[in-house]
């Protein structure tokens, strides 16, 4: 997680490209844990990868890689987590990186409740 939050783009690329298992795969699997502290570590690392990392040329987006490893499903599942910080962070990631479309940038968030909380579909 420290590489993601404190490293530069090249550090993040190296983590994502690590062999034999991508760092994204490991972080997505971390989202299946029960411990809220570990979940927050994984969520913060994934958010840093999505926010600060830039894939190599001809490489899929990091959001696509997260989806490939079932991470989006895990993230959406955490949007109903009992721990408020886990819920808040997961909801923010899903809303910020997985529900954007190129031609729909309106403020009409039909996936939100009246308080702006993400509602899983």
PDB file of N, CA and C in Angstrom:
ATOM      1  N   UNK A   1       0.827  -1.195   0.000  1.00  0.00           N
ATOM      2  CA  UNK A   1       0.000   0.000   0.000  1.00  0.00           C
ATOM      3  C   UNK A   1       0.865   1.250   0.000  1.00  0.00           C
ATOM      4  N   UNK A   2       2.024   1.210   0.670  1.00  0.00           N
ATOM      5  CA  UNK A   2       2.886   2.384   0.716  1.00  0.00           C
ATOM      6  C   UNK A   2       3.405   2.758  -0.665  1.00  0.00           C
ATOM      7  N   UNK A   3       3.671   1.771  -1.497  1.00  0.00           N
ATOM      8  CA  UNK A   3       4.121   2.058  -2.863  1.00  0.00           C
ATOM      9  C   UNK A   3       3.040   2.823  -3.607  1.00  0.00           C
ATOM     10  N   UNK A   4       1.806   2.439  -3.414  1.00  0.00           N
ATOM     11  CA  UNK A   4       0.694   3.076  -4.130  1.00  0.00           C
ATOM     12  C   UNK A   4       0.452   4.494  -3.662  1.00  0.00           C
ATOM     13  N   UNK A   5       0.514   4.716  -2.359  1.00  0.00           N
ATOM     14  CA  UNK A   5       0.185   6.034  -1.836  1.00  0.00           C
ATOM     15  C   UNK A   5       1.378   6.978  -1.832  1.00  0.00           C
ATOM     16  N   UNK A   6       2.597   6.443  -1.765  1.00  0.00           N
ATOM     17  CA  UNK A   6       3.770   7.313  -1.700  1.00  0.00           C
ATOM     18  C   UNK A   6       4.699   7.220  -2.889  1.00  0.00           C
ATOM     19  N   UNK A   7       4.470   6.240  -3.745  1.00  0.00           N
ATOM     20  CA  UNK A   7       5.346   6.049  -4.893  1.00  0.00           C
ATOM     21  C   UNK A   7       4.926   6.880  -6.082  1.00  0.00           C
ATOM     22  N   UNK A   8       5.787   6.872  -7.096  1.00  0.00           N
ATOM     23  CA  UNK A   8       5.470   7.597  -8.318  1.00  0.00           C
ATOM     24  C   UNK A   8       4.828   6.647  -9.335  1.00  0.00           C
ATOM     25  N   UNK A   9       4.532   7.163 -10.520  1.00  0.00           N
ATOM     26  CA  UNK A   9       3.860   6.358 -11.546  1.00  0.00           C
ATOM     27  C   UNK A   9       4.638   5.089 -11.875  1.00  0.00           C
ATOM     28  N   UNK A  10       5.953   5.189 -11.942  1.00  0.00           N
ATOM     29  CA  UNK A  10       6.770   4.017 -12.278  1.00  0.00           C
ATOM     30  C   UNK A  10       6.696   2.958 -11.177  1.00  0.00           C
ATOM     31  N   UNK A  11       6.693   3.391  -9.908  1.00  0.00           N
ATOM     32  CA  UNK A  11       6.545   2.444  -8.803  1.00  0.00           C
ATOM     33  C   UNK A  11       5.209   1.713  -8.884  1.00  0.00           C
ATOM     34  N   UNK A  12       4.153   2.455  -9.215  1.00  0.00           N
ATOM     35  CA  UNK A  12       2.829   1.844  -9.333  1.00  0.00           C
ATOM     36  C   UNK A  12       2.806   0.865 -10.503  1.00  0.00           C
ATOM     37  N   UNK A  13       3.396   1.246 -11.636  1.00  0.00           N
ATOM     38  CA  UNK A  13       3.459   0.323 -12.784  1.00  0.00           C
ATOM     39  C   UNK A  13       4.189  -0.963 -12.406  1.00  0.00           C
ATOM     40  N   UNK A  14       5.312  -0.819 -11.698  1.00  0.00           N
ATOM     41  CA  UNK A  14       6.079  -2.007 -11.296  1.00  0.00           C
ATOM     42  C   UNK A  14       5.249  -2.919 -10.400  1.00  0.00           C
ATOM     43  N   UNK A  15       4.471  -2.338  -9.492  1.00  0.00           N
ATOM     44  CA  UNK A  15       3.616  -3.136  -8.621  1.00  0.00           C
ATOM     45  C   UNK A  15       2.543  -3.851  -9.430  1.00  0.00           C
ATOM     46  N   UNK A  16       1.909  -3.114 -10.335  1.00  0.00           N
ATOM     47  CA  UNK A  16       0.844  -3.700 -11.159  1.00  0.00           C
ATOM     48  C   UNK A  16       1.404  -4.805 -12.042  1.00  0.00           C
ATOM     49  N   UNK A  17       2.601  -4.605 -12.579  1.00  0.00           N
ATOM     50  CA  UNK A  17       3.204  -5.564 -13.504  1.00  0.00           C
ATOM     51  C   UNK A  17       3.984  -6.671 -12.813  1.00  0.00           C
ATOM     52  N   UNK A  18       4.002  -6.689 -11.474  1.00  0.00           N
ATOM     53  CA  UNK A  18       4.827  -7.665 -10.766  1.00  0.00           C
ATOM     54  C   UNK A  18       4.451  -9.093 -11.147  1.00  0.00           C
ATOM     55  N   UNK A  19       5.437  -9.947 -11.169  1.00  0.00           N
ATOM     56  CA  UNK A  19       5.270 -11.355 -11.522  1.00  0.00           C
ATOM     57  C   UNK A  19       5.563 -12.203 -10.296  1.00  0.00           C
ATOM     58  N   UNK A  20       4.958 -13.318 -10.088  1.00  0.00           N
ATOM     59  CA  UNK A  20       4.036 -13.973 -10.998  1.00  0.00           C
ATOM     60  C   UNK A  20       2.607 -13.474 -10.862  1.00  0.00           C
ATOM     61  N   UNK A  21       2.336 -12.621  -9.865  1.00  0.00           N
ATOM     62  CA  UNK A  21       0.967 -12.167  -9.630  1.00  0.00           C
ATOM     63  C   UNK A  21       0.928 -10.640  -9.582  1.00  0.00           C
ATOM     64  N   UNK A  22       0.024 -10.063 -10.345  1.00  0.00           N
ATOM     65  CA  UNK A  22      -0.135  -8.611 -10.360  1.00  0.00           C
ATOM     66  C   UNK A  22      -0.517  -8.095  -8.982  1.00  0.00           C
ATOM     67  N   UNK A  23       0.016  -6.934  -8.636  1.00  0.00           N
ATOM     68  CA  UNK A  23      -0.363  -6.294  -7.386  1.00  0.00           C
ATOM     69  C   UNK A  23      -1.846  -6.001  -7.324  1.00  0.00           C
ATOM     70  N   UNK A  24      -2.463  -5.726  -8.470  1.00  0.00           N
ATOM     71  CA  UNK A  24      -3.906  -5.481  -8.490  1.00  0.00           C
ATOM     72  C   UNK A  24      -4.658  -6.745  -8.088  1.00  0.00           C
ATOM     73  N   UNK A  25      -4.220  -7.902  -8.560  1.00  0.00           N
ATOM     74  CA  UNK A  25      -4.855  -9.169  -8.182  1.00  0.00           C
ATOM     75  C   UNK A  25      -4.793  -9.355  -6.669  1.00  0.00           C
ATOM     76  N   UNK A  26      -3.633  -9.112  -6.089  1.00  0.00           N
ATOM     77  CA  UNK A  26      -3.457  -9.276  -4.644  1.00  0.00           C
ATOM     78  C   UNK A  26      -4.357  -8.312  -3.881  1.00  0.00           C
ATOM     79  N   UNK A  27      -4.396  -7.052  -4.321  1.00  0.00           N
ATOM     80  CA  UNK A  27      -5.227  -6.057  -3.641  1.00  0.00           C
ATOM     81  C   UNK A  27      -6.710  -6.377  -3.768  1.00  0.00           C
ATOM     82  N   UNK A  28      -7.127  -6.868  -4.923  1.00  0.00           N
ATOM     83  CA  UNK A  28      -8.538  -7.255  -5.092  1.00  0.00           C
ATOM     84  C   UNK A  28      -8.898  -8.400  -4.149  1.00  0.00           C
ATOM     85  N   UNK A  29      -8.010  -9.351  -3.974  1.00  0.00           N
ATOM     86  CA  UNK A  29      -8.276 -10.459  -3.057  1.00  0.00           C
ATOM     87  C   UNK A  29      -8.299  -9.998  -1.610  1.00  0.00           C
ATOM     88  N   UNK A  30      -7.562  -8.942  -1.312  1.00  0.00           N
ATOM     89  CA  UNK A  30      -7.574  -8.376   0.032  1.00  0.00           C
ATOM     90  C   UNK A  30      -8.970  -7.858   0.393  1.00  0.00           C
ATOM     91  N   UNK A  31      -9.745  -7.493  -0.612  1.00  0.00           N
ATOM     92  CA  UNK A  31     -11.090  -6.963  -0.383  1.00  0.00           C
ATOM     93  C   UNK A  31     -12.083  -8.025   0.100  1.00  0.00           C
ATOM     94  N   UNK A  32     -11.666  -9.274   0.153  1.00  0.00           N
ATOM     95  CA  UNK A  32     -12.533 -10.341   0.655  1.00  0.00           C
ATOM     96  C   UNK A  32     -12.352 -10.567   2.151  1.00  0.00           C
ATOM     97  N   UNK A  33     -11.425  -9.855   2.765  1.00  0.00           N
ATOM     98  CA  UNK A  33     -11.151 -10.046   4.189  1.00  0.00           C
ATOM     99  C   UNK A  33     -12.257  -9.440   5.041  1.00  0.00           C
ATOM    100  N   UNK A  34     -12.293  -9.840   6.296  1.00  0.00           N
ATOM    101  CA  UNK A  34     -13.292  -9.342   7.232  1.00  0.00           C
ATOM    102  C   UNK A  34     -12.814  -8.145   8.045  1.00  0.00           C
ATOM    103  N   UNK A  35     -11.517  -8.022   8.241  1.00  0.00           N
ATOM    104  CA  UNK A  35     -10.943  -6.980   9.093  1.00  0.00           C
ATOM    105  C   UNK A  35     -11.045  -5.612   8.414  1.00  0.00           C
ATOM    106  N   UNK A  36     -11.797  -4.673   8.978  1.00  0.00           N
ATOM    107  CA  UNK A  36     -11.954  -3.352   8.368  1.00  0.00           C
ATOM    108  C   UNK A  36     -10.623  -2.630   8.138  1.00  0.00           C
ATOM    109  N   UNK A  37      -9.653  -2.813   9.028  1.00  0.00           N
ATOM    110  CA  UNK A  37      -8.350  -2.153   8.838  1.00  0.00           C
ATOM    111  C   UNK A  37      -7.657  -2.668   7.588  1.00  0.00           C
ATOM    112  N   UNK A  38      -7.709  -3.971   7.358  1.00  0.00           N
ATOM    113  CA  UNK A  38      -7.087  -4.534   6.159  1.00  0.00           C
ATOM    114  C   UNK A  38      -7.854  -4.119   4.912  1.00  0.00           C
ATOM    115  N   UNK A  39      -9.169  -4.056   5.022  1.00  0.00           N
ATOM    116  CA  UNK A  39      -9.981  -3.598   3.894  1.00  0.00           C
ATOM    117  C   UNK A  39      -9.607  -2.168   3.514  1.00  0.00           C
ATOM    118  N   UNK A  40      -9.417  -1.316   4.514  1.00  0.00           N
ATOM    119  CA  UNK A  40      -9.058   0.072   4.236  1.00  0.00           C
ATOM    120  C   UNK A  40      -7.686   0.184   3.586  1.00  0.00           C
ATOM    121  N   UNK A  41      -6.751  -0.679   3.990  1.00  0.00           N
ATOM    122  CA  UNK A  41      -5.436  -0.689   3.349  1.00  0.00           C
ATOM    123  C   UNK A  41      -5.588  -1.018   1.863  1.00  0.00           C
ATOM    124  N   UNK A  42      -6.360  -2.051   1.567  1.00  0.00           N
ATOM    125  CA  UNK A  42      -6.587  -2.438   0.175  1.00  0.00           C
ATOM    126  C   UNK A  42      -7.315  -1.369  -0.611  1.00  0.00           C
ATOM    127  N   UNK A  43      -8.323  -0.766   0.002  1.00  0.00           N
ATOM    128  CA  UNK A  43      -9.092   0.275  -0.669  1.00  0.00           C
ATOM    129  C   UNK A  43      -8.226   1.501  -0.960  1.00  0.00           C
ATOM    130  N   UNK A  44      -7.421   1.896   0.009  1.00  0.00           N
ATOM    131  CA  UNK A  44      -6.553   3.061  -0.201  1.00  0.00           C
ATOM    132  C   UNK A  44      -5.529   2.800  -1.292  1.00  0.00           C
ATOM    133  N   UNK A  45      -4.988   1.592  -1.327  1.00  0.00           N
ATOM    134  CA  UNK A  45      -4.023   1.247  -2.363  1.00  0.00           C
ATOM    135  C   UNK A  45      -4.670   1.235  -3.742  1.00  0.00           C
ATOM    136  N   UNK A  46      -5.832   0.621  -3.857  1.00  0.00           N
ATOM    137  CA  UNK A  46      -6.524   0.599  -5.153  1.00  0.00           C
ATOM    138  C   UNK A  46      -6.911   2.002  -5.601  1.00  0.00           C
ATOM    139  N   UNK A  47      -7.366   2.824  -4.671  1.00  0.00           N
ATOM    140  CA  UNK A  47      -7.719   4.192  -5.045  1.00  0.00           C
ATOM    141  C   UNK A  47      -6.492   4.961  -5.536  1.00  0.00           C
ATOM    142  N   UNK A  48      -5.358   4.766  -4.882  1.00  0.00           N
ATOM    143  CA  UNK A  48      -4.131   5.443  -5.313  1.00  0.00           C
ATOM    144  C   UNK A  48      -3.710   4.971  -6.700  1.00  0.00           C
ATOM    145  N   UNK A  49      -3.844   3.683  -6.968  1.00  0.00           N
ATOM    146  CA  UNK A  49      -3.515   3.157  -8.295  1.00  0.00           C
ATOM    147  C   UNK A  49      -4.417   3.802  -9.337  1.00  0.00           C
ATOM    148  N   UNK A  50      -5.696   3.869  -9.062  1.00  0.00           N
ATOM    149  CA  UNK A  50      -6.644   4.444 -10.013  1.00  0.00           C
ATOM    150  C   UNK A  50      -6.437   5.948 -10.190  1.00  0.00           C
ATOM    151  N   UNK A  51      -6.126   6.635  -9.100  1.00  0.00           N
ATOM    152  CA  UNK A  51      -6.011   8.093  -9.151  1.00  0.00           C
ATOM    153  C   UNK A  51      -4.668   8.558  -9.696  1.00  0.00           C
ATOM    154  N   UNK A  52      -3.583   7.883  -9.343  1.00  0.00           N
ATOM    155  CA  UNK A  52      -2.250   8.378  -9.657  1.00  0.00           C
ATOM    156  C   UNK A  52      -1.495   7.568 -10.681  1.00  0.00           C
ATOM    157  N   UNK A  53      -1.900   6.314 -10.854  1.00  0.00           N
ATOM    158  CA  UNK A  53      -1.171   5.447 -11.769  1.00  0.00           C
ATOM    159  C   UNK A  53      -1.584   5.653 -13.220  1.00  0.00           C
ATOM    160  N   UNK A  54      -0.634   5.468 -14.096  1.00  0.00           N
ATOM    161  CA  UNK A  54      -0.906   5.539 -15.536  1.00  0.00           C
ATOM    162  C   UNK A  54      -0.349   4.268 -16.169  1.00  0.00           C
ATOM    163  N   UNK A  55      -1.221   3.486 -16.812  1.00  0.00           N
ATOM    164  CA  UNK A  55      -0.751   2.247 -17.440  1.00  0.00           C
ATOM    165  C   UNK A  55       0.290   2.532 -18.519  1.00  0.00           C
ATOM    166  N   UNK A  56       1.079   1.528 -18.794  1.00  0.00           N
ATOM    167  CA  UNK A  56       2.049   1.631 -19.884  1.00  0.00           C
ATOM    168  C   UNK A  56       1.289   1.736 -21.207  1.00  0.00           C
ATOM    169  N   UNK A  57       1.934   2.285 -22.242  1.00  0.00           N
ATOM    170  CA  UNK A  57       1.268   2.326 -23.557  1.00  0.00           C
ATOM    171  C   UNK A  57       0.839   0.915 -23.971  1.00  0.00           C
ATOM    172  N   UNK A  58      -0.319   0.824 -24.580  1.00  0.00           N
ATOM    173  CA  UNK A  58      -0.900  -0.445 -25.037  1.00  0.00           C
ATOM    174  C   UNK A  58      -1.288  -1.387 -23.906  1.00  0.00           C
ATOM    175  N   UNK A  59      -1.363  -0.890 -22.690  1.00  0.00           N
ATOM    176  CA  UNK A  59      -1.803  -1.697 -21.554  1.00  0.00           C
ATOM    177  C   UNK A  59      -3.239  -1.299 -21.212  1.00  0.00           C
ATOM    178  N   UNK A  60      -4.033  -2.269 -20.789  1.00  0.00           N
ATOM    179  CA  UNK A  60      -5.407  -1.975 -20.378  1.00  0.00           C
ATOM    180  C   UNK A  60      -5.405  -0.992 -19.207  1.00  0.00           C
ATOM    181  N   UNK A  61      -6.545  -0.324 -19.020  1.00  0.00           N
ATOM    182  CA  UNK A  61      -6.654   0.596 -17.887  1.00  0.00           C
ATOM    183  C   UNK A  61      -6.623  -0.201 -16.586  1.00  0.00           C
ATOM    184  N   UNK A  62      -6.228   0.473 -15.533  1.00  0.00           N
ATOM    185  CA  UNK A  62      -6.195  -0.190 -14.236  1.00  0.00           C
ATOM    186  C   UNK A  62      -7.607  -0.560 -13.778  1.00  0.00           C
ATOM    187  N   UNK A  63      -8.605   0.235 -14.121  1.00  0.00           N
ATOM    188  CA  UNK A  63      -9.996  -0.117 -13.787  1.00  0.00           C
ATOM    189  C   UNK A  63     -10.398  -1.418 -14.480  1.00  0.00           C
ATOM    190  N   UNK A  64      -9.984  -1.590 -15.751  1.00  0.00           N
ATOM    191  CA  UNK A  64     -10.271  -2.847 -16.455  1.00  0.00           C
ATOM    192  C   UNK A  64      -9.602  -4.030 -15.777  1.00  0.00           C
ATOM    193  N   UNK A  65      -8.379  -3.830 -15.310  1.00  0.00           N
ATOM    194  CA  UNK A  65      -7.666  -4.915 -14.614  1.00  0.00           C
ATOM    195  C   UNK A  65      -8.370  -5.268 -13.312  1.00  0.00           C
ATOM    196  N   UNK A  66      -8.840  -4.257 -12.602  1.00  0.00           N
ATOM    197  CA  UNK A  66      -9.565  -4.512 -11.355  1.00  0.00           C
ATOM    198  C   UNK A  66     -10.829  -5.311 -11.649  1.00  0.00           C
ATOM    199  N   UNK A  67     -11.526  -4.963 -12.711  1.00  0.00           N
ATOM    200  CA  UNK A  67     -12.723  -5.725 -13.099  1.00  0.00           C
ATOM    201  C   UNK A  67     -12.349  -7.160 -13.466  1.00  0.00           C
ATOM    202  N   UNK A  68     -11.238  -7.339 -14.167  1.00  0.00           N
ATOM    203  CA  UNK A  68     -10.797  -8.675 -14.575  1.00  0.00           C
ATOM    204  C   UNK A  68     -10.619  -9.586 -13.357  1.00  0.00           C
ATOM    205  N   UNK A  69     -10.131  -9.036 -12.262  1.00  0.00           N
ATOM    206  CA  UNK A  69      -9.888  -9.823 -11.058  1.00  0.00           C
ATOM    207  C   UNK A  69     -11.078  -9.795 -10.098  1.00  0.00           C
ATOM    208  N   UNK A  70     -12.256  -9.429 -10.605  1.00  0.00           N
ATOM    209  CA  UNK A  70     -13.488  -9.419  -9.822  1.00  0.00           C
ATOM    210  C   UNK A  70     -13.510  -8.321  -8.760  1.00  0.00           C
ATOM    211  N   UNK A  71     -12.566  -7.397  -8.849  1.00  0.00           N
ATOM    212  CA  UNK A  71     -12.474  -6.331  -7.855  1.00  0.00           C
ATOM    213  C   UNK A  71     -13.675  -5.419  -7.811  1.00  0.00           C
ATOM    214  N   UNK A  72     -14.266  -5.151  -8.973  1.00  0.00           N
ATOM    215  CA  UNK A  72     -15.445  -4.278  -8.965  1.00  0.00           C
ATOM    216  C   UNK A  72     -16.568  -4.908  -8.163  1.00  0.00           C
ATOM    217  N   UNK A  73     -16.763  -6.209  -8.320  1.00  0.00           N
ATOM    218  CA  UNK A  73     -17.798  -6.895  -7.539  1.00  0.00           C
ATOM    219  C   UNK A  73     -17.504  -6.811  -6.046  1.00  0.00           C
ATOM    220  N   UNK A  74     -16.239  -6.991  -5.676  1.00  0.00           N
ATOM    221  CA  UNK A  74     -15.872  -6.886  -4.261  1.00  0.00           C
ATOM    222  C   UNK A  74     -16.115  -5.465  -3.761  1.00  0.00           C
ATOM    223  N   UNK A  75     -15.732  -4.474  -4.581  1.00  0.00           N
ATOM    224  CA  UNK A  75     -15.947  -3.072  -4.203  1.00  0.00           C
ATOM    225  C   UNK A  75     -17.431  -2.777  -4.011  1.00  0.00           C
ATOM    226  N   UNK A  76     -18.247  -3.238  -4.936  1.00  0.00           N
ATOM    227  CA  UNK A  76     -19.690  -3.004  -4.816  1.00  0.00           C
ATOM    228  C   UNK A  76     -20.256  -3.692  -3.586  1.00  0.00           C
ATOM    229  N   UNK A  77     -19.733  -4.871  -3.253  1.00  0.00           N
ATOM    230  CA  UNK A  77     -20.173  -5.555  -2.041  1.00  0.00           C
ATOM    231  C   UNK A  77     -19.814  -4.776  -0.785  1.00  0.00           C
ATOM    232  N   UNK A  78     -18.683  -4.091  -0.813  1.00  0.00           N
ATOM    233  CA  UNK A  78     -18.260  -3.305   0.347  1.00  0.00           C
ATOM    234  C   UNK A  78     -19.072  -2.018   0.502  1.00  0.00           C
ATOM    235  N   UNK A  79     -19.844  -1.671  -0.511  1.00  0.00           N
ATOM    236  CA  UNK A  79     -20.695  -0.474  -0.434  1.00  0.00           C
ATOM    237  C   UNK A  79     -21.851  -0.647   0.533  1.00  0.00           C
ATOM    238  N   UNK A  80     -21.999  -1.825   1.084  1.00  0.00           N
ATOM    239  CA  UNK A  80     -23.014  -2.078   2.109  1.00  0.00           C
ATOM    240  C   UNK A  80     -22.361  -2.545   3.414  1.00  0.00           C
ATOM    241  N   UNK A  81     -21.068  -2.338   3.539  1.00  0.00           N
ATOM    242  CA  UNK A  81     -20.326  -2.791   4.717  1.00  0.00           C
ATOM    243  C   UNK A  81     -20.777  -2.038   5.964  1.00  0.00           C
ATOM    244  N   UNK A  82     -20.727  -2.710   7.109  1.00  0.00           N
ATOM    245  CA  UNK A  82     -21.138  -2.110   8.382  1.00  0.00           C
ATOM    246  C   UNK A  82     -20.184  -1.009   8.846  1.00  0.00           C
ATOM    247  N   UNK A  83     -18.899  -1.142   8.534  1.00  0.00           N
ATOM    248  CA  UNK A  83     -17.926  -0.123   8.941  1.00  0.00           C
ATOM    249  C   UNK A  83     -18.085   1.098   8.039  1.00  0.00           C
ATOM    250  N   UNK A  84     -18.320   2.251   8.644  1.00  0.00           N
ATOM    251  CA  UNK A  84     -18.609   3.465   7.876  1.00  0.00           C
ATOM    252  C   UNK A  84     -17.448   3.856   6.959  1.00  0.00           C
ATOM    253  N   UNK A  85     -16.221   3.755   7.425  1.00  0.00           N
ATOM    254  CA  UNK A  85     -15.076   4.144   6.601  1.00  0.00           C
ATOM    255  C   UNK A  85     -14.912   3.208   5.400  1.00  0.00           C
ATOM    256  N   UNK A  86     -15.106   1.927   5.597  1.00  0.00           N
ATOM    257  CA  UNK A  86     -15.041   0.959   4.495  1.00  0.00           C
ATOM    258  C   UNK A  86     -16.143   1.275   3.495  1.00  0.00           C
ATOM    259  N   UNK A  87     -17.348   1.462   3.991  1.00  0.00           N
ATOM    260  CA  UNK A  87     -18.483   1.810   3.136  1.00  0.00           C
ATOM    261  C   UNK A  87     -18.188   3.075   2.337  1.00  0.00           C
ATOM    262  N   UNK A  88     -17.716   4.123   3.024  1.00  0.00           N
ATOM    263  CA  UNK A  88     -17.461   5.418   2.390  1.00  0.00           C
ATOM    264  C   UNK A  88     -16.385   5.314   1.312  1.00  0.00           C
ATOM    265  N   UNK A  89     -15.290   4.651   1.634  1.00  0.00           N
ATOM    266  CA  UNK A  89     -14.171   4.540   0.687  1.00  0.00           C
ATOM    267  C   UNK A  89     -14.569   3.691  -0.512  1.00  0.00           C
ATOM    268  N   UNK A  90     -15.212   2.557  -0.289  1.00  0.00           N
ATOM    269  CA  UNK A  90     -15.633   1.693  -1.400  1.00  0.00           C
ATOM    270  C   UNK A  90     -16.637   2.417  -2.288  1.00  0.00           C
ATOM    271  N   UNK A  91     -17.584   3.109  -1.688  1.00  0.00           N
ATOM    272  CA  UNK A  91     -18.587   3.844  -2.459  1.00  0.00           C
ATOM    273  C   UNK A  91     -17.931   4.919  -3.312  1.00  0.00           C
ATOM    274  N   UNK A  92     -16.975   5.615  -2.742  1.00  0.00           N
ATOM    275  CA  UNK A  92     -16.272   6.661  -3.483  1.00  0.00           C
ATOM    276  C   UNK A  92     -15.520   6.085  -4.683  1.00  0.00           C
ATOM    277  N   UNK A  93     -14.840   4.977  -4.489  1.00  0.00           N
ATOM    278  CA  UNK A  93     -14.078   4.354  -5.585  1.00  0.00           C
ATOM    279  C   UNK A  93     -15.012   3.909  -6.697  1.00  0.00           C
ATOM    280  N   UNK A  94     -16.081   3.223  -6.339  1.00  0.00           N
ATOM    281  CA  UNK A  94     -17.030   2.741  -7.360  1.00  0.00           C
ATOM    282  C   UNK A  94     -17.616   3.918  -8.124  1.00  0.00           C
ATOM    283  N   UNK A  95     -18.062   4.904  -7.406  1.00  0.00           N
ATOM    284  CA  UNK A  95     -18.696   6.059  -8.031  1.00  0.00           C
ATOM    285  C   UNK A  95     -17.705   6.849  -8.892  1.00  0.00           C
ATOM    286  N   UNK A  96     -16.471   6.974  -8.433  1.00  0.00           N
ATOM    287  CA  UNK A  96     -15.480   7.792  -9.132  1.00  0.00           C
ATOM    288  C   UNK A  96     -14.851   7.106 -10.340  1.00  0.00           C
ATOM    289  N   UNK A  97     -14.676   5.788 -10.273  1.00  0.00           N
ATOM    290  CA  UNK A  97     -13.883   5.113 -11.306  1.00  0.00           C
ATOM    291  C   UNK A  97     -14.635   4.068 -12.120  1.00  0.00           C
ATOM    292  N   UNK A  98     -15.841   3.707 -11.703  1.00  0.00           N
ATOM    293  CA  UNK A  98     -16.530   2.643 -12.416  1.00  0.00           C
ATOM    294  C   UNK A  98     -17.894   3.026 -12.970  1.00  0.00           C
ATOM    295  N   UNK A  99     -18.385   4.221 -12.670  1.00  0.00           N
ATOM    296  CA  UNK A  99     -19.677   4.634 -13.212  1.00  0.00           C
ATOM    297  C   UNK A  99     -19.568   5.855 -14.096  1.00  0.00           C
ATOM    298  N   UNK A 100     -18.397   6.183 -14.549  1.00  0.00           N
ATOM    299  CA  UNK A 100     -18.224   7.328 -15.447  1.00  0.00           C
ATOM    300  C   UNK A 100     -18.351   6.872 -16.879  1.00  0.00           C
ATOM    301  N   UNK A 101     -19.017   7.687 -17.652  1.00  0.00           N
ATOM    302  CA  UNK A 101     -19.087   7.447 -19.090  1.00  0.00           C
ATOM    303  C   UNK A 101     -18.663   8.720 -19.785  1.00  0.00           C
ATOM    304  N   UNK A 102     -18.128   8.602 -20.962  1.00  0.00           N
ATOM    305  CA  UNK A 102     -17.594   9.739 -21.678  1.00  0.00           C
ATOM    306  C   UNK A 102     -18.616  10.798 -22.015  1.00  0.00           C
ATOM    307  N   UNK A 103     -19.839  10.406 -22.346  1.00  0.00           N
ATOM    308  CA  UNK A 103     -20.818  11.393 -22.764  1.00  0.00           C
ATOM    309  C   UNK A 103     -21.904  11.642 -21.725  1.00  0.00           C
ATOM    310  N   UNK A 104     -21.759  11.114 -20.510  1.00  0.00           N
ATOM    311  CA  UNK A 104     -22.742  11.364 -19.462  1.00  0.00           C
ATOM    312  C   UNK A 104     -22.042  11.907 -18.235  1.00  0.00           C
ATOM    313  N   UNK A 105     -21.817  13.209 -18.222  1.00  0.00           N
ATOM    314  CA  UNK A 105     -21.136  13.817 -17.092  1.00  0.00           C
ATOM    315  C   UNK A 105     -22.070  14.743 -16.333  1.00  0.00           C
ATOM    316  N   UNK A 106     -23.343  14.425 -16.329  1.00  0.00           N
ATOM    317  CA  UNK A 106     -24.300  15.244 -15.607  1.00  0.00           C
ATOM    318  C   UNK A 106     -24.182  14.998 -14.115  1.00  0.00           C
ATOM    319  N   UNK A 107     -24.789  15.858 -13.339  1.00  0.00           N
ATOM    320  CA  UNK A 107     -24.793  15.699 -11.895  1.00  0.00           C
ATOM    321  C   UNK A 107     -25.986  14.889 -11.428  1.00  0.00           C
ATOM    322  N   UNK A 108     -26.719  14.286 -12.346  1.00  0.00           N
ATOM    323  CA  UNK A 108     -27.876  13.480 -12.002  1.00  0.00           C
ATOM    324  C   UNK A 108     -27.417  12.094 -11.585  1.00  0.00           C
ATOM    325  N   UNK A 109     -27.205  11.903 -10.288  1.00  0.00           N
ATOM    326  CA  UNK A 109     -26.696  10.630  -9.768  1.00  0.00           C
ATOM    327  C   UNK A 109     -27.851   9.754  -9.353  1.00  0.00           C
ATOM    328  N   UNK A 110     -28.433   9.035 -10.309  1.00  0.00           N
ATOM    329  CA  UNK A 110     -29.573   8.196  -9.990  1.00  0.00           C
ATOM    330  C   UNK A 110     -29.187   6.980  -9.170  1.00  0.00           C
ATOM    331  N   UNK A 111     -27.871   6.699  -9.034  1.00  0.00           N
ATOM    332  CA  UNK A 111     -27.414   5.577  -8.227  1.00  0.00           C
ATOM    333  C   UNK A 111     -27.160   6.000  -6.781  1.00  0.00           C
ATOM    334  N   UNK A 112     -27.538   7.246  -6.411  1.00  0.00           N
ATOM    335  CA  UNK A 112     -27.339   7.747  -5.063  1.00  0.00           C
ATOM    336  C   UNK A 112     -28.665   7.804  -4.334  1.00  0.00           C
ATOM    337  N   UNK A 113     -28.580   7.711  -2.993  1.00  0.00           N
ATOM    338  CA  UNK A 113     -29.765   8.011  -2.214  1.00  0.00           C
ATOM    339  C   UNK A 113     -29.777   9.522  -1.967  1.00  0.00           C
ATOM    340  N   UNK A 114     -30.674  10.025  -1.159  1.00  0.00           N
ATOM    341  CA  UNK A 114     -30.800  11.466  -0.967  1.00  0.00           C
ATOM    342  C   UNK A 114     -29.593  12.087  -0.282  1.00  0.00           C
ATOM    343  N   UNK A 115     -28.769  11.288   0.413  1.00  0.00           N
ATOM    344  CA  UNK A 115     -27.577  11.818   1.069  1.00  0.00           C
ATOM    345  C   UNK A 115     -26.324  11.671   0.208  1.00  0.00           C
ATOM    346  N   UNK A 116     -26.454  11.203  -1.017  1.00  0.00           N
ATOM    347  CA  UNK A 116     -25.300  11.053  -1.896  1.00  0.00           C
ATOM    348  C   UNK A 116     -24.576   9.735  -1.726  1.00  0.00           C
ATOM    349  N   UNK A 117     -25.155   8.790  -1.003  1.00  0.00           N
ATOM    350  CA  UNK A 117     -24.535   7.480  -0.810  1.00  0.00           C
ATOM    351  C   UNK A 117     -24.829   6.592  -1.997  1.00  0.00           C
ATOM    352  N   UNK A 118     -23.842   5.821  -2.401  1.00  0.00           N
ATOM    353  CA  UNK A 118     -23.987   4.899  -3.531  1.00  0.00           C
ATOM    354  C   UNK A 118     -24.980   3.805  -3.165  1.00  0.00           C
ATOM    355  N   UNK A 119     -25.831   3.486  -4.100  1.00  0.00           N
ATOM    356  CA  UNK A 119     -26.778   2.383  -3.933  1.00  0.00           C
ATOM    357  C   UNK A 119     -26.421   1.288  -4.940  1.00  0.00           C
ATOM    358  N   UNK A 120     -25.977   0.105  -4.479  1.00  0.00           N
ATOM    359  CA  UNK A 120     -25.639  -0.968  -5.419  1.00  0.00           C
ATOM    360  C   UNK A 120     -26.866  -1.382  -6.217  1.00  0.00           C
ATOM    361  N   UNK A 121     -26.603  -1.825  -7.437  1.00  0.00           N
ATOM    362  CA  UNK A 121     -27.698  -2.237  -8.309  1.00  0.00           C
ATOM    363  C   UNK A 121     -27.906  -3.715  -8.270  1.00  0.00           C
TER     364      UNK A 121
END
